[in-house]
Amino acid sequence: MEDLESRDLERVKCWFSDRTELWVPPAPPTVGKRRNLALFRAIYRMYADLHWKVTEVHPIGERRFVYLTDSWGTIGPGREYRNKIATLITFDDDGRILTLSDYFKDTAIFAQGGQET
């Protein structure tokens, strides 16, 4: 989370390999280091600031976990963003992300012109 919050793509890219598959809705899944860095570049452009705080971590298999996270920040032109996220994540043998899939409590914020509930 520290690397993500740094907004430094050099730090973020260390978590990815060419096999890394990320699914961060509302974007479609992306595979590979280059595409995943492009995804985070786009996320960072969408948010003036963005924060994550992991509240719980539950192991569900070898190198596989569920992370529960609070997220907040500013999206677009000064609109407050708050969400709760459940993330399924699997790490490879080198400790990099192999698969990551996010599930958001509130998806209205991502809709064109949607209002946060």
PDB file of N, CA and C in Angstrom:
ATOM      1  N   MET A   1       0.817  -1.188   0.000  1.00  0.00           N
ATOM      2  CA  MET A   1       0.000   0.000   0.000  1.00  0.00           C
ATOM      3  C   MET A   1       0.864   1.257   0.000  1.00  0.00           C
ATOM      4  N   GLU A   2       2.000   1.191   0.695  1.00  0.00           N
ATOM      5  CA  GLU A   2       2.906   2.344   0.680  1.00  0.00           C
ATOM      6  C   GLU A   2       3.387   2.631  -0.738  1.00  0.00           C
ATOM      7  N   ASP A   3       3.708   1.588  -1.480  1.00  0.00           N
ATOM      8  CA  ASP A   3       4.170   1.786  -2.852  1.00  0.00           C
ATOM      9  C   ASP A   3       3.053   2.368  -3.720  1.00  0.00           C
ATOM     10  N   LEU A   4       1.816   1.871  -3.554  1.00  0.00           N
ATOM     11  CA  LEU A   4       0.692   2.420  -4.320  1.00  0.00           C
ATOM     12  C   LEU A   4       0.462   3.890  -3.980  1.00  0.00           C
ATOM     13  N   GLU A   5       0.470   4.219  -2.695  1.00  0.00           N
ATOM     14  CA  GLU A   5       0.222   5.598  -2.283  1.00  0.00           C
ATOM     15  C   GLU A   5       1.339   6.545  -2.705  1.00  0.00           C
ATOM     16  N   SER A   6       2.531   6.016  -2.930  1.00  0.00           N
ATOM     17  CA  SER A   6       3.640   6.878  -3.361  1.00  0.00           C
ATOM     18  C   SER A   6       3.393   7.462  -4.750  1.00  0.00           C
ATOM     19  N   ARG A   7       2.529   6.788  -5.533  1.00  0.00           N
ATOM     20  CA  ARG A   7       2.238   7.169  -6.919  1.00  0.00           C
ATOM     21  C   ARG A   7       3.488   7.113  -7.801  1.00  0.00           C
ATOM     22  N   ASP A   8       4.502   6.411  -7.324  1.00  0.00           N
ATOM     23  CA  ASP A   8       5.768   6.261  -8.036  1.00  0.00           C
ATOM     24  C   ASP A   8       5.716   4.936  -8.805  1.00  0.00           C
ATOM     25  N   LEU A   9       5.559   5.026 -10.117  1.00  0.00           N
ATOM     26  CA  LEU A   9       5.413   3.813 -10.928  1.00  0.00           C
ATOM     27  C   LEU A   9       6.656   2.931 -10.890  1.00  0.00           C
ATOM     28  N   GLU A  10       7.818   3.494 -10.608  1.00  0.00           N
ATOM     29  CA  GLU A  10       9.029   2.682 -10.468  1.00  0.00           C
ATOM     30  C   GLU A  10       8.904   1.752  -9.268  1.00  0.00           C
ATOM     31  N   ARG A  11       8.302   2.232  -8.182  1.00  0.00           N
ATOM     32  CA  ARG A  11       8.082   1.394  -6.999  1.00  0.00           C
ATOM     33  C   ARG A  11       6.961   0.389  -7.260  1.00  0.00           C
ATOM     34  N   VAL A  12       5.904   0.816  -7.921  1.00  0.00           N
ATOM     35  CA  VAL A  12       4.746  -0.040  -8.173  1.00  0.00           C
ATOM     36  C   VAL A  12       5.109  -1.193  -9.101  1.00  0.00           C
ATOM     37  N   LYS A  13       5.932  -0.932 -10.112  1.00  0.00           N
ATOM     38  CA  LYS A  13       6.220  -1.977 -11.108  1.00  0.00           C
ATOM     39  C   LYS A  13       6.943  -3.181 -10.524  1.00  0.00           C
ATOM     40  N   CYS A  14       7.600  -3.032  -9.399  1.00  0.00           N
ATOM     41  CA  CYS A  14       8.296  -4.154  -8.763  1.00  0.00           C
ATOM     42  C   CYS A  14       7.336  -5.252  -8.310  1.00  0.00           C
ATOM     43  N   TRP A  15       6.057  -4.931  -8.170  1.00  0.00           N
ATOM     44  CA  TRP A  15       5.051  -5.900  -7.736  1.00  0.00           C
ATOM     45  C   TRP A  15       4.514  -6.739  -8.890  1.00  0.00           C
ATOM     46  N   PHE A  16       4.840  -6.372 -10.137  1.00  0.00           N
ATOM     47  CA  PHE A  16       4.269  -7.029 -11.313  1.00  0.00           C
ATOM     48  C   PHE A  16       5.310  -7.821 -12.089  1.00  0.00           C
ATOM     49  N   SER A  17       4.825  -8.855 -12.778  1.00  0.00           N
ATOM     50  CA  SER A  17       5.637  -9.581 -13.755  1.00  0.00           C
ATOM     51  C   SER A  17       4.865  -9.555 -15.070  1.00  0.00           C
ATOM     52  N   ASP A  18       5.416 -10.161 -16.080  1.00  0.00           N
ATOM     53  CA  ASP A  18       4.710 -10.227 -17.360  1.00  0.00           C
ATOM     54  C   ASP A  18       3.495 -11.154 -17.293  1.00  0.00           C
ATOM     55  N   ARG A  19       3.377 -11.935 -16.209  1.00  0.00           N
ATOM     56  CA  ARG A  19       2.226 -12.827 -16.029  1.00  0.00           C
ATOM     57  C   ARG A  19       1.147 -12.235 -15.126  1.00  0.00           C
ATOM     58  N   THR A  20       1.417 -11.104 -14.487  1.00  0.00           N
ATOM     59  CA  THR A  20       0.476 -10.512 -13.541  1.00  0.00           C
ATOM     60  C   THR A  20      -0.835 -10.136 -14.225  1.00  0.00           C
ATOM     61  N   GLU A  21      -1.951 -10.611 -13.646  1.00  0.00           N
ATOM     62  CA  GLU A  21      -3.276 -10.258 -14.132  1.00  0.00           C
ATOM     63  C   GLU A  21      -4.007  -9.461 -13.050  1.00  0.00           C
ATOM     64  N   LEU A  22      -4.407  -8.246 -13.385  1.00  0.00           N
ATOM     65  CA  LEU A  22      -5.150  -7.389 -12.463  1.00  0.00           C
ATOM     66  C   LEU A  22      -6.552  -7.151 -13.011  1.00  0.00           C
ATOM     67  N   TRP A  23      -7.520  -7.168 -12.104  1.00  0.00           N
ATOM     68  CA  TRP A  23      -8.876  -6.803 -12.490  1.00  0.00           C
ATOM     69  C   TRP A  23      -9.361  -5.789 -11.471  1.00  0.00           C
ATOM     70  N   VAL A  24      -9.314  -4.527 -11.852  1.00  0.00           N
ATOM     71  CA  VAL A  24      -9.723  -3.414 -11.010  1.00  0.00           C
ATOM     72  C   VAL A  24     -10.893  -2.723 -11.710  1.00  0.00           C
ATOM     73  N   PRO A  25     -12.134  -3.151 -11.405  1.00  0.00           N
ATOM     74  CA  PRO A  25     -13.294  -2.542 -12.058  1.00  0.00           C
ATOM     75  C   PRO A  25     -13.337  -1.029 -11.822  1.00  0.00           C
ATOM     76  N   PRO A  26     -13.873  -0.268 -12.738  1.00  0.00           N
ATOM     77  CA  PRO A  26     -14.659  -0.713 -13.871  1.00  0.00           C
ATOM     78  C   PRO A  26     -13.833  -1.055 -15.109  1.00  0.00           C
ATOM     79  N   ALA A  27     -12.500  -1.036 -15.026  1.00  0.00           N
ATOM     80  CA  ALA A  27     -11.655  -1.398 -16.168  1.00  0.00           C
ATOM     81  C   ALA A  27     -11.710  -2.910 -16.396  1.00  0.00           C
ATOM     82  N   PRO A  28     -11.506  -3.351 -17.623  1.00  0.00           N
ATOM     83  CA  PRO A  28     -11.421  -4.801 -17.876  1.00  0.00           C
ATOM     84  C   PRO A  28     -10.095  -5.339 -17.318  1.00  0.00           C
ATOM     85  N   PRO A  29      -9.973  -6.657 -17.163  1.00  0.00           N
ATOM     86  CA  PRO A  29      -8.713  -7.228 -16.677  1.00  0.00           C
ATOM     87  C   PRO A  29      -7.544  -6.849 -17.588  1.00  0.00           C
ATOM     88  N   THR A  30      -6.393  -6.660 -16.968  1.00  0.00           N
ATOM     89  CA  THR A  30      -5.165  -6.374 -17.715  1.00  0.00           C
ATOM     90  C   THR A  30      -4.115  -7.409 -17.327  1.00  0.00           C
ATOM     91  N   VAL A  31      -3.275  -7.782 -18.291  1.00  0.00           N
ATOM     92  CA  VAL A  31      -2.232  -8.773 -18.051  1.00  0.00           C
ATOM     93  C   VAL A  31      -0.893  -8.207 -18.498  1.00  0.00           C
ATOM     94  N   GLY A  32       0.125  -8.405 -17.650  1.00  0.00           N
ATOM     95  CA  GLY A  32       1.486  -7.997 -17.987  1.00  0.00           C
ATOM     96  C   GLY A  32       1.897  -6.716 -17.289  1.00  0.00           C
ATOM     97  N   LYS A  33       3.191  -6.600 -17.070  1.00  0.00           N
ATOM     98  CA  LYS A  33       3.738  -5.452 -16.345  1.00  0.00           C
ATOM     99  C   LYS A  33       3.407  -4.137 -17.043  1.00  0.00           C
ATOM    100  N   ARG A  34       3.611  -4.068 -18.346  1.00  0.00           N
ATOM    101  CA  ARG A  34       3.403  -2.817 -19.086  1.00  0.00           C
ATOM    102  C   ARG A  34       1.946  -2.361 -19.022  1.00  0.00           C
ATOM    103  N   ARG A  35       1.021  -3.276 -19.249  1.00  0.00           N
ATOM    104  CA  ARG A  35      -0.414  -2.918 -19.223  1.00  0.00           C
ATOM    105  C   ARG A  35      -0.878  -2.548 -17.813  1.00  0.00           C
ATOM    106  N   ASN A  36      -0.361  -3.232 -16.805  1.00  0.00           N
ATOM    107  CA  ASN A  36      -0.746  -2.916 -15.437  1.00  0.00           C
ATOM    108  C   ASN A  36      -0.208  -1.564 -14.990  1.00  0.00           C
ATOM    109  N   LEU A  37       0.972  -1.224 -15.440  1.00  0.00           N
ATOM    110  CA  LEU A  37       1.491   0.124 -15.149  1.00  0.00           C
ATOM    111  C   LEU A  37       0.647   1.185 -15.842  1.00  0.00           C
ATOM    112  N   ALA A  38       0.192   0.911 -17.058  1.00  0.00           N
ATOM    113  CA  ALA A  38      -0.693   1.848 -17.770  1.00  0.00           C
ATOM    114  C   ALA A  38      -2.012   2.007 -17.010  1.00  0.00           C
ATOM    115  N   LEU A  39      -2.520   0.911 -16.439  1.00  0.00           N
ATOM    116  CA  LEU A  39      -3.739   0.984 -15.645  1.00  0.00           C
ATOM    117  C   LEU A  39      -3.544   1.912 -14.447  1.00  0.00           C
ATOM    118  N   PHE A  40      -2.437   1.760 -13.730  1.00  0.00           N
ATOM    119  CA  PHE A  40      -2.202   2.622 -12.576  1.00  0.00           C
ATOM    120  C   PHE A  40      -1.917   4.063 -12.978  1.00  0.00           C
ATOM    121  N   ARG A  41      -1.289   4.259 -14.107  1.00  0.00           N
ATOM    122  CA  ARG A  41      -1.102   5.623 -14.614  1.00  0.00           C
ATOM    123  C   ARG A  41      -2.468   6.285 -14.815  1.00  0.00           C
ATOM    124  N   ALA A  42      -3.425   5.539 -15.375  1.00  0.00           N
ATOM    125  CA  ALA A  42      -4.783   6.067 -15.596  1.00  0.00           C
ATOM    126  C   ALA A  42      -5.504   6.304 -14.264  1.00  0.00           C
ATOM    127  N   ILE A  43      -5.359   5.384 -13.324  1.00  0.00           N
ATOM    128  CA  ILE A  43      -5.981   5.561 -12.002  1.00  0.00           C
ATOM    129  C   ILE A  43      -5.441   6.816 -11.333  1.00  0.00           C
ATOM    130  N   TYR A  44      -4.136   7.006 -11.367  1.00  0.00           N
ATOM    131  CA  TYR A  44      -3.534   8.177 -10.729  1.00  0.00           C
ATOM    132  C   TYR A  44      -4.002   9.476 -11.384  1.00  0.00           C
ATOM    133  N   ARG A  45      -4.267   9.445 -12.685  1.00  0.00           N
ATOM    134  CA  ARG A  45      -4.787  10.651 -13.357  1.00  0.00           C
ATOM    135  C   ARG A  45      -6.224  10.945 -12.944  1.00  0.00           C
ATOM    136  N   MET A  46      -7.018   9.895 -12.647  1.00  0.00           N
ATOM    137  CA  MET A  46      -8.428  10.069 -12.265  1.00  0.00           C
ATOM    138  C   MET A  46      -8.592  10.684 -10.886  1.00  0.00           C
ATOM    139  N   TYR A  47      -7.654  10.434  -9.995  1.00  0.00           N
ATOM    140  CA  TYR A  47      -7.770  10.842  -8.596  1.00  0.00           C
ATOM    141  C   TYR A  47      -6.738  11.911  -8.266  1.00  0.00           C
ATOM    142  N   ALA A  48      -7.204  13.022  -7.686  1.00  0.00           N
ATOM    143  CA  ALA A  48      -6.273  14.046  -7.205  1.00  0.00           C
ATOM    144  C   ALA A  48      -5.460  13.482  -6.045  1.00  0.00           C
ATOM    145  N   ASP A  49      -6.116  12.699  -5.195  1.00  0.00           N
ATOM    146  CA  ASP A  49      -5.417  11.940  -4.163  1.00  0.00           C
ATOM    147  C   ASP A  49      -6.210  10.663  -3.917  1.00  0.00           C
ATOM    148  N   LEU A  50      -5.504   9.636  -3.496  1.00  0.00           N
ATOM    149  CA  LEU A  50      -6.137   8.333  -3.289  1.00  0.00           C
ATOM    150  C   LEU A  50      -5.361   7.594  -2.205  1.00  0.00           C
ATOM    151  N   HIS A  51      -6.117   7.039  -1.259  1.00  0.00           N
ATOM    152  CA  HIS A  51      -5.487   6.363  -0.123  1.00  0.00           C
ATOM    153  C   HIS A  51      -6.144   5.007   0.097  1.00  0.00           C
ATOM    154  N   TRP A  52      -5.371   4.101   0.672  1.00  0.00           N
ATOM    155  CA  TRP A  52      -5.846   2.776   1.018  1.00  0.00           C
ATOM    156  C   TRP A  52      -5.360   2.434   2.417  1.00  0.00           C
ATOM    157  N   LYS A  53      -6.238   1.802   3.206  1.00  0.00           N
ATOM    158  CA  LYS A  53      -5.844   1.286   4.518  1.00  0.00           C
ATOM    159  C   LYS A  53      -6.375  -0.131   4.632  1.00  0.00           C
ATOM    160  N   VAL A  54      -5.482  -1.090   4.702  1.00  0.00           N
ATOM    161  CA  VAL A  54      -5.867  -2.490   4.868  1.00  0.00           C
ATOM    162  C   VAL A  54      -6.370  -2.656   6.297  1.00  0.00           C
ATOM    163  N   THR A  55      -7.604  -3.174   6.437  1.00  0.00           N
ATOM    164  CA  THR A  55      -8.190  -3.369   7.764  1.00  0.00           C
ATOM    165  C   THR A  55      -8.114  -4.818   8.225  1.00  0.00           C
ATOM    166  N   GLU A  56      -8.090  -5.763   7.276  1.00  0.00           N
ATOM    167  CA  GLU A  56      -7.971  -7.183   7.613  1.00  0.00           C
ATOM    168  C   GLU A  56      -7.298  -7.917   6.460  1.00  0.00           C
ATOM    169  N   VAL A  57      -6.576  -8.984   6.802  1.00  0.00           N
ATOM    170  CA  VAL A  57      -5.990  -9.883   5.806  1.00  0.00           C
ATOM    171  C   VAL A  57      -6.307 -11.305   6.239  1.00  0.00           C
ATOM    172  N   HIS A  58      -6.867 -12.090   5.301  1.00  0.00           N
ATOM    173  CA  HIS A  58      -7.235 -13.475   5.597  1.00  0.00           C
ATOM    174  C   HIS A  58      -6.563 -14.409   4.589  1.00  0.00           C
ATOM    175  N   PRO A  59      -5.699 -15.317   5.050  1.00  0.00           N
ATOM    176  CA  PRO A  59      -5.123 -16.308   4.132  1.00  0.00           C
ATOM    177  C   PRO A  59      -6.199 -17.309   3.726  1.00  0.00           C
ATOM    178  N   ILE A  60      -6.239 -17.652   2.433  1.00  0.00           N
ATOM    179  CA  ILE A  60      -7.216 -18.635   1.961  1.00  0.00           C
ATOM    180  C   ILE A  60      -6.548 -19.746   1.149  1.00  0.00           C
ATOM    181  N   GLY A  61      -5.248 -19.778   1.169  1.00  0.00           N
ATOM    182  CA  GLY A  61      -4.503 -20.811   0.460  1.00  0.00           C
ATOM    183  C   GLY A  61      -3.035 -20.430   0.432  1.00  0.00           C
ATOM    184  N   GLU A  62      -2.252 -21.293  -0.185  1.00  0.00           N
ATOM    185  CA  GLU A  62      -0.821 -21.011  -0.291  1.00  0.00           C
ATOM    186  C   GLU A  62      -0.608 -19.788  -1.184  1.00  0.00           C
ATOM    187  N   ARG A  63      -0.063 -18.733  -0.629  1.00  0.00           N
ATOM    188  CA  ARG A  63       0.228 -17.466  -1.327  1.00  0.00           C
ATOM    189  C   ARG A  63      -1.046 -16.776  -1.832  1.00  0.00           C
ATOM    190  N   ARG A  64      -2.224 -17.107  -1.258  1.00  0.00           N
ATOM    191  CA  ARG A  64      -3.493 -16.507  -1.685  1.00  0.00           C
ATOM    192  C   ARG A  64      -4.188 -15.905  -0.459  1.00  0.00           C
ATOM    193  N   PHE A  65      -4.680 -14.668  -0.622  1.00  0.00           N
ATOM    194  CA  PHE A  65      -5.229 -13.922   0.501  1.00  0.00           C
ATOM    195  C   PHE A  65      -6.448 -13.106   0.081  1.00  0.00           C
ATOM    196  N   VAL A  66      -7.271 -12.758   1.083  1.00  0.00           N
ATOM    197  CA  VAL A  66      -8.326 -11.767   0.920  1.00  0.00           C
ATOM    198  C   VAL A  66      -7.913 -10.563   1.760  1.00  0.00           C
ATOM    199  N   TYR A  67      -7.818  -9.411   1.119  1.00  0.00           N
ATOM    200  CA  TYR A  67      -7.531  -8.157   1.807  1.00  0.00           C
ATOM    201  C   TYR A  67      -8.822  -7.358   1.884  1.00  0.00           C
ATOM    202  N   LEU A  68      -9.168  -6.851   3.077  1.00  0.00           N
ATOM    203  CA  LEU A  68     -10.271  -5.919   3.241  1.00  0.00           C
ATOM    204  C   LEU A  68      -9.656  -4.541   3.456  1.00  0.00           C
ATOM    205  N   THR A  69     -10.113  -3.577   2.658  1.00  0.00           N
ATOM    206  CA  THR A  69      -9.453  -2.280   2.605  1.00  0.00           C
ATOM    207  C   THR A  69     -10.466  -1.151   2.602  1.00  0.00           C
ATOM    208  N   ASP A  70     -10.156  -0.080   3.337  1.00  0.00           N
ATOM    209  CA  ASP A  70     -10.889   1.180   3.222  1.00  0.00           C
ATOM    210  C   ASP A  70     -10.125   2.043   2.233  1.00  0.00           C
ATOM    211  N   SER A  71     -10.848   2.702   1.340  1.00  0.00           N
ATOM    212  CA  SER A  71     -10.225   3.558   0.333  1.00  0.00           C
ATOM    213  C   SER A  71     -10.929   4.911   0.341  1.00  0.00           C
ATOM    214  N   TRP A  72     -10.160   5.978   0.167  1.00  0.00           N
ATOM    215  CA  TRP A  72     -10.731   7.318   0.129  1.00  0.00           C
ATOM    216  C   TRP A  72      -9.822   8.244  -0.653  1.00  0.00           C
ATOM    217  N   GLY A  73     -10.390   9.359  -1.089  1.00  0.00           N
ATOM    218  CA  GLY A  73      -9.611  10.339  -1.831  1.00  0.00           C
ATOM    219  C   GLY A  73     -10.515  11.317  -2.533  1.00  0.00           C
ATOM    220  N   THR A  74      -9.989  11.876  -3.615  1.00  0.00           N
ATOM    221  CA  THR A  74     -10.718  12.849  -4.422  1.00  0.00           C
ATOM    222  C   THR A  74     -10.672  12.383  -5.865  1.00  0.00           C
ATOM    223  N   ILE A  75     -11.867  12.175  -6.432  1.00  0.00           N
ATOM    224  CA  ILE A  75     -11.969  11.713  -7.810  1.00  0.00           C
ATOM    225  C   ILE A  75     -12.469  12.865  -8.673  1.00  0.00           C
ATOM    226  N   GLY A  76     -11.893  12.956  -9.870  1.00  0.00           N
ATOM    227  CA  GLY A  76     -12.345  13.997 -10.807  1.00  0.00           C
ATOM    228  C   GLY A  76     -12.147  15.389 -10.243  1.00  0.00           C
ATOM    229  N   PRO A  77     -13.066  16.284 -10.574  1.00  0.00           N
ATOM    230  CA  PRO A  77     -12.915  17.693 -10.166  1.00  0.00           C
ATOM    231  C   PRO A  77     -13.409  17.929  -8.732  1.00  0.00           C
ATOM    232  N   GLY A  78     -12.692  17.399  -7.758  1.00  0.00           N
ATOM    233  CA  GLY A  78     -12.980  17.698  -6.369  1.00  0.00           C
ATOM    234  C   GLY A  78     -14.102  16.913  -5.725  1.00  0.00           C
ATOM    235  N   ARG A  79     -14.516  15.787  -6.293  1.00  0.00           N
ATOM    236  CA  ARG A  79     -15.580  14.979  -5.708  1.00  0.00           C
ATOM    237  C   ARG A  79     -14.977  13.975  -4.729  1.00  0.00           C
ATOM    238  N   GLU A  80     -15.504  13.961  -3.502  1.00  0.00           N
ATOM    239  CA  GLU A  80     -15.003  13.053  -2.484  1.00  0.00           C
ATOM    240  C   GLU A  80     -15.306  11.608  -2.860  1.00  0.00           C
ATOM    241  N   TYR A  81     -14.347  10.738  -2.599  1.00  0.00           N
ATOM    242  CA  TYR A  81     -14.474   9.311  -2.878  1.00  0.00           C
ATOM    243  C   TYR A  81     -14.230   8.541  -1.585  1.00  0.00           C
ATOM    244  N   ARG A  82     -15.114   7.604  -1.278  1.00  0.00           N
ATOM    245  CA  ARG A  82     -14.935   6.669  -0.164  1.00  0.00           C
ATOM    246  C   ARG A  82     -15.490   5.323  -0.607  1.00  0.00           C
ATOM    247  N   ASN A  83     -14.764   4.259  -0.248  1.00  0.00           N
ATOM    248  CA  ASN A  83     -15.234   2.930  -0.627  1.00  0.00           C
ATOM    249  C   ASN A  83     -14.621   1.886   0.288  1.00  0.00           C
ATOM    250  N   LYS A  84     -15.231   0.726   0.297  1.00  0.00           N
ATOM    251  CA  LYS A  84     -14.684  -0.451   0.959  1.00  0.00           C
ATOM    252  C   LYS A  84     -14.415  -1.463  -0.141  1.00  0.00           C
ATOM    253  N   ILE A  85     -13.274  -2.135  -0.041  1.00  0.00           N
ATOM    254  CA  ILE A  85     -12.829  -3.033  -1.102  1.00  0.00           C
ATOM    255  C   ILE A  85     -12.462  -4.390  -0.495  1.00  0.00           C
ATOM    256  N   ALA A  86     -12.883  -5.452  -1.155  1.00  0.00           N
ATOM    257  CA  ALA A  86     -12.386  -6.798  -0.863  1.00  0.00           C
ATOM    258  C   ALA A  86     -11.522  -7.186  -2.062  1.00  0.00           C
ATOM    259  N   THR A  87     -10.302  -7.596  -1.801  1.00  0.00           N
ATOM    260  CA  THR A  87      -9.362  -7.941  -2.868  1.00  0.00           C
ATOM    261  C   THR A  87      -8.902  -9.379  -2.700  1.00  0.00           C
ATOM    262  N   LEU A  88      -9.048 -10.168  -3.772  1.00  0.00           N
ATOM    263  CA  LEU A  88      -8.471 -11.511  -3.816  1.00  0.00           C
ATOM    264  C   LEU A  88      -7.117 -11.376  -4.495  1.00  0.00           C
ATOM    265  N   ILE A  89      -6.079 -11.847  -3.833  1.00  0.00           N
ATOM    266  CA  ILE A  89      -4.737 -11.680  -4.394  1.00  0.00           C
ATOM    267  C   ILE A  89      -3.928 -12.962  -4.206  1.00  0.00           C
ATOM    268  N   THR A  90      -3.211 -13.323  -5.267  1.00  0.00           N
ATOM    269  CA  THR A  90      -2.308 -14.467  -5.236  1.00  0.00           C
ATOM    270  C   THR A  90      -0.914 -13.952  -5.602  1.00  0.00           C
ATOM    271  N   PHE A  91       0.073 -14.384  -4.839  1.00  0.00           N
ATOM    272  CA  PHE A  91       1.459 -13.997  -5.094  1.00  0.00           C
ATOM    273  C   PHE A  91       2.196 -15.153  -5.748  1.00  0.00           C
ATOM    274  N   ASP A  92       3.156 -14.826  -6.624  1.00  0.00           N
ATOM    275  CA  ASP A  92       3.963 -15.873  -7.258  1.00  0.00           C
ATOM    276  C   ASP A  92       5.094 -16.293  -6.319  1.00  0.00           C
ATOM    277  N   ASP A  93       5.936 -17.214  -6.765  1.00  0.00           N
ATOM    278  CA  ASP A  93       7.035 -17.715  -5.941  1.00  0.00           C
ATOM    279  C   ASP A  93       8.042 -16.631  -5.565  1.00  0.00           C
ATOM    280  N   ASP A  94       8.096 -15.539  -6.348  1.00  0.00           N
ATOM    281  CA  ASP A  94       9.027 -14.441  -6.080  1.00  0.00           C
ATOM    282  C   ASP A  94       8.395 -13.336  -5.235  1.00  0.00           C
ATOM    283  N   GLY A  95       7.133 -13.525  -4.798  1.00  0.00           N
ATOM    284  CA  GLY A  95       6.473 -12.519  -3.970  1.00  0.00           C
ATOM    285  C   GLY A  95       5.800 -11.402  -4.747  1.00  0.00           C
ATOM    286  N   ARG A  96       5.783 -11.520  -6.083  1.00  0.00           N
ATOM    287  CA  ARG A  96       5.075 -10.521  -6.895  1.00  0.00           C
ATOM    288  C   ARG A  96       3.627 -10.951  -7.069  1.00  0.00           C
ATOM    289  N   ILE A  97       2.801 -10.004  -7.467  1.00  0.00           N
ATOM    290  CA  ILE A  97       1.387 -10.296  -7.664  1.00  0.00           C
ATOM    291  C   ILE A  97       1.223 -11.149  -8.916  1.00  0.00           C
ATOM    292  N   LEU A  98       0.560 -12.297  -8.762  1.00  0.00           N
ATOM    293  CA  LEU A  98       0.226 -13.141  -9.900  1.00  0.00           C
ATOM    294  C   LEU A  98      -1.178 -12.788 -10.388  1.00  0.00           C
ATOM    295  N   THR A  99      -2.146 -12.754  -9.458  1.00  0.00           N
ATOM    296  CA  THR A  99      -3.507 -12.331  -9.799  1.00  0.00           C
ATOM    297  C   THR A  99      -4.032 -11.421  -8.697  1.00  0.00           C
ATOM    298  N   LEU A 100      -4.828 -10.455  -9.093  1.00  0.00           N
ATOM    299  CA  LEU A 100      -5.477  -9.547  -8.151  1.00  0.00           C
ATOM    300  C   LEU A 100      -6.824  -9.177  -8.741  1.00  0.00           C
ATOM    301  N   SER A 101      -7.869  -9.301  -7.910  1.00  0.00           N
ATOM    302  CA  SER A 101      -9.209  -8.942  -8.342  1.00  0.00           C
ATOM    303  C   SER A 101      -9.884  -8.158  -7.231  1.00  0.00           C
ATOM    304  N   ASP A 102     -10.335  -6.936  -7.538  1.00  0.00           N
ATOM    305  CA  ASP A 102     -10.989  -6.062  -6.562  1.00  0.00           C
ATOM    306  C   ASP A 102     -12.504  -6.166  -6.666  1.00  0.00           C
ATOM    307  N   TYR A 103     -13.168  -6.084  -5.521  1.00  0.00           N
ATOM    308  CA  TYR A 103     -14.621  -6.051  -5.425  1.00  0.00           C
ATOM    309  C   TYR A 103     -14.982  -4.837  -4.576  1.00  0.00           C
ATOM    310  N   PHE A 104     -15.745  -3.893  -5.155  1.00  0.00           N
ATOM    311  CA  PHE A 104     -16.060  -2.641  -4.497  1.00  0.00           C
ATOM    312  C   PHE A 104     -17.456  -2.666  -3.890  1.00  0.00           C
ATOM    313  N   LYS A 105     -17.597  -2.124  -2.689  1.00  0.00           N
ATOM    314  CA  LYS A 105     -18.900  -2.028  -2.034  1.00  0.00           C
ATOM    315  C   LYS A 105     -19.804  -1.070  -2.801  1.00  0.00           C
ATOM    316  N   ASP A 106     -19.276   0.093  -3.197  1.00  0.00           N
ATOM    317  CA  ASP A 106     -20.049   1.129  -3.880  1.00  0.00           C
ATOM    318  C   ASP A 106     -19.508   1.295  -5.292  1.00  0.00           C
ATOM    319  N   THR A 107     -20.326   0.958  -6.291  1.00  0.00           N
ATOM    320  CA  THR A 107     -19.881   1.107  -7.669  1.00  0.00           C
ATOM    321  C   THR A 107     -20.487   2.326  -8.354  1.00  0.00           C
ATOM    322  N   ALA A 108     -21.437   2.993  -7.716  1.00  0.00           N
ATOM    323  CA  ALA A 108     -22.092   4.159  -8.332  1.00  0.00           C
ATOM    324  C   ALA A 108     -21.101   5.267  -8.642  1.00  0.00           C
ATOM    325  N   ILE A 109     -20.073   5.402  -7.847  1.00  0.00           N
ATOM    326  CA  ILE A 109     -19.077   6.462  -8.044  1.00  0.00           C
ATOM    327  C   ILE A 109     -18.367   6.326  -9.393  1.00  0.00           C
ATOM    328  N   PHE A 110     -18.315   5.114  -9.938  1.00  0.00           N
ATOM    329  CA  PHE A 110     -17.618   4.883 -11.197  1.00  0.00           C
ATOM    330  C   PHE A 110     -18.504   5.116 -12.414  1.00  0.00           C
ATOM    331  N   ALA A 111     -19.810   5.184 -12.210  1.00  0.00           N
ATOM    332  CA  ALA A 111     -20.736   5.370 -13.325  1.00  0.00           C
ATOM    333  C   ALA A 111     -20.627   6.799 -13.864  1.00  0.00           C
ATOM    334  N   GLN A 112     -20.817   6.949 -15.145  1.00  0.00           N
ATOM    335  CA  GLN A 112     -20.797   8.262 -15.790  1.00  0.00           C
ATOM    336  C   GLN A 112     -21.842   9.134 -15.117  1.00  0.00           C
ATOM    337  N   GLY A 113     -21.406  10.155 -14.389  1.00  0.00           N
ATOM    338  CA  GLY A 113     -22.325  11.068 -13.713  1.00  0.00           C
ATOM    339  C   GLY A 113     -22.950  10.478 -12.458  1.00  0.00           C
ATOM    340  N   GLY A 114     -22.471   9.281 -12.025  1.00  0.00           N
ATOM    341  CA  GLY A 114     -23.063   8.640 -10.854  1.00  0.00           C
ATOM    342  C   GLY A 114     -22.760   9.388  -9.584  1.00  0.00           C
ATOM    343  N   GLN A 115     -23.611   9.233  -8.601  1.00  0.00           N
ATOM    344  CA  GLN A 115     -23.430   9.839  -7.296  1.00  0.00           C
ATOM    345  C   GLN A 115     -23.051   8.753  -6.308  1.00  0.00           C
ATOM    346  N   GLU A 116     -22.178   9.103  -5.396  1.00  0.00           N
ATOM    347  CA  GLU A 116     -21.777   8.158  -4.371  1.00  0.00           C
ATOM    348  C   GLU A 116     -22.942   7.908  -3.430  1.00  0.00           C
ATOM    349  N   THR A 117     -23.137   6.652  -3.030  1.00  0.00           N
ATOM    350  CA  THR A 117     -24.215   6.343  -2.098  1.00  0.00           C
ATOM    351  C   THR A 117     -23.711   6.253  -0.696  1.00  0.00           C
TER     352      THR A 117
END
